[in-house]
Amino acid sequence: MLCYDDIKTNTQTPAVALCSGCGAGICAAHAHECASPTVVSNAVGAPTVRPDGRTLHCTTCHRAAPCGR
């Protein structure tokens, strides 16, 4: 799979991840990493907060909502 953002400029760079927003293949240069907190409800209703996970976004999705903003 190739980086979608690079294909638009006639460059062929292997994708290293998929954008969690739109699903496009992205290379390391176009990947934007954001921390995403994980909250899980247990049976009694008290939420458990786990360590932050990460999401990767392409440039377009990152511009639309930079790290969940």
C-alpha atoms as a PDB file:
ATOM      1  CA  MET A   1       0.000   0.000   0.000  1.00  0.00           C
ATOM      2  CA  LEU A   2       1.221   3.506  -0.789  1.00  0.00           C
ATOM      3  CA  CYS A   3       0.761   6.801   1.040  1.00  0.00           C
ATOM      4  CA  TYR A   4      -2.357   8.505  -0.304  1.00  0.00           C
ATOM      5  CA  ASP A   5      -1.027  12.035   0.288  1.00  0.00           C
ATOM      6  CA  ASP A   6       2.142  11.225  -1.682  1.00  0.00           C
ATOM      7  CA  ILE A   7       0.225   9.646  -4.576  1.00  0.00           C
ATOM      8  CA  LYS A   8      -1.527  12.991  -5.126  1.00  0.00           C
ATOM      9  CA  THR A   9       1.920  14.507  -5.850  1.00  0.00           C
ATOM     10  CA  ASN A  10       3.137  11.615  -8.061  1.00  0.00           C
ATOM     11  CA  THR A  11       5.421  10.242  -5.341  1.00  0.00           C
ATOM     12  CA  GLN A  12       5.323   6.589  -4.336  1.00  0.00           C
ATOM     13  CA  THR A  13       6.079   6.138  -0.632  1.00  0.00           C
ATOM     14  CA  PRO A  14       5.095   2.974   1.254  1.00  0.00           C
ATOM     15  CA  ALA A  15       2.371   3.493   3.858  1.00  0.00           C
ATOM     16  CA  VAL A  16       3.323   2.612   7.416  1.00  0.00           C
ATOM     17  CA  ALA A  17      -0.129   3.084   8.977  1.00  0.00           C
ATOM     18  CA  LEU A  18      -3.793   3.731   8.251  1.00  0.00           C
ATOM     19  CA  CYS A  19      -5.500   6.985   9.210  1.00  0.00           C
ATOM     20  CA  SER A  20      -7.973   6.266  12.000  1.00  0.00           C
ATOM     21  CA  GLY A  21     -10.216   9.035  10.654  1.00  0.00           C
ATOM     22  CA  CYS A  22     -10.599   8.170   6.963  1.00  0.00           C
ATOM     23  CA  GLY A  23      -8.695   4.897   6.538  1.00  0.00           C
ATOM     24  CA  ALA A  24      -6.175   6.199   3.985  1.00  0.00           C
ATOM     25  CA  GLY A  25      -2.673   4.758   3.930  1.00  0.00           C
ATOM     26  CA  ILE A  26      -0.125   7.211   5.365  1.00  0.00           C
ATOM     27  CA  CYS A  27       3.668   7.342   5.384  1.00  0.00           C
ATOM     28  CA  ALA A  28       5.750   8.366   8.398  1.00  0.00           C
ATOM     29  CA  ALA A  29       6.081  11.933   7.069  1.00  0.00           C
ATOM     30  CA  HIS A  30       2.303  12.425   6.887  1.00  0.00           C
ATOM     31  CA  ALA A  31       1.362  10.595  10.115  1.00  0.00           C
ATOM     32  CA  HIS A  32       0.176  12.744  13.035  1.00  0.00           C
ATOM     33  CA  GLU A  33       0.135  10.935  16.380  1.00  0.00           C
ATOM     34  CA  CYS A  34      -2.328  11.908  19.116  1.00  0.00           C
ATOM     35  CA  ALA A  35      -2.875  10.496  22.592  1.00  0.00           C
ATOM     36  CA  SER A  36      -6.390   9.265  23.225  1.00  0.00           C
ATOM     37  CA  PRO A  37      -7.539   8.501  26.779  1.00  0.00           C
ATOM     38  CA  THR A  38      -9.329   5.208  27.266  1.00  0.00           C
ATOM     39  CA  VAL A  39     -12.207   5.083  29.757  1.00  0.00           C
ATOM     40  CA  VAL A  40     -13.904   1.728  30.340  1.00  0.00           C
ATOM     41  CA  SER A  41     -17.068   1.240  32.393  1.00  0.00           C
ATOM     42  CA  ASN A  42     -17.162  -1.803  34.626  1.00  0.00           C
ATOM     43  CA  ALA A  43     -20.211  -3.724  35.849  1.00  0.00           C
ATOM     44  CA  VAL A  44     -20.901  -1.462  38.818  1.00  0.00           C
ATOM     45  CA  GLY A  45     -20.671   1.730  36.780  1.00  0.00           C
ATOM     46  CA  ALA A  46     -17.418   3.110  38.136  1.00  0.00           C
ATOM     47  CA  PRO A  47     -15.251   4.078  35.156  1.00  0.00           C
ATOM     48  CA  THR A  48     -11.711   2.806  34.880  1.00  0.00           C
ATOM     49  CA  VAL A  49      -9.193   5.087  33.182  1.00  0.00           C
ATOM     50  CA  ARG A  50      -6.473   3.214  31.349  1.00  0.00           C
ATOM     51  CA  PRO A  51      -3.199   4.677  30.112  1.00  0.00           C
ATOM     52  CA  ASP A  52      -3.511   6.758  26.985  1.00  0.00           C
ATOM     53  CA  GLY A  53      -3.556   4.959  23.708  1.00  0.00           C
ATOM     54  CA  ARG A  54      -2.617   6.541  20.419  1.00  0.00           C
ATOM     55  CA  THR A  55      -4.337   7.334  17.187  1.00  0.00           C
ATOM     56  CA  LEU A  56      -2.707   8.179  13.876  1.00  0.00           C
ATOM     57  CA  HIS A  57      -4.258  10.627  11.424  1.00  0.00           C
ATOM     58  CA  CYS A  58      -3.416  11.799   7.921  1.00  0.00           C
ATOM     59  CA  THR A  59      -2.696  15.478   7.340  1.00  0.00           C
ATOM     60  CA  THR A  60      -6.245  16.214   6.153  1.00  0.00           C
ATOM     61  CA  CYS A  61      -7.972  14.608   9.151  1.00  0.00           C
ATOM     62  CA  HIS A  62      -5.451  16.190  11.549  1.00  0.00           C
ATOM     63  CA  ARG A  63      -6.207  19.648  10.134  1.00  0.00           C
ATOM     64  CA  ALA A  64      -9.940  19.012  10.511  1.00  0.00           C
ATOM     65  CA  ALA A  65      -9.669  17.986  14.179  1.00  0.00           C
ATOM     66  CA  PRO A  66      -6.168  18.396  15.644  1.00  0.00           C
ATOM     67  CA  CYS A  67      -5.861  15.744  18.361  1.00  0.00           C
ATOM     68  CA  GLY A  68      -9.569  15.639  19.168  1.00  0.00           C
ATOM     69  CA  ARG A  69     -10.185  19.381  19.310  1.00  0.00           C
END
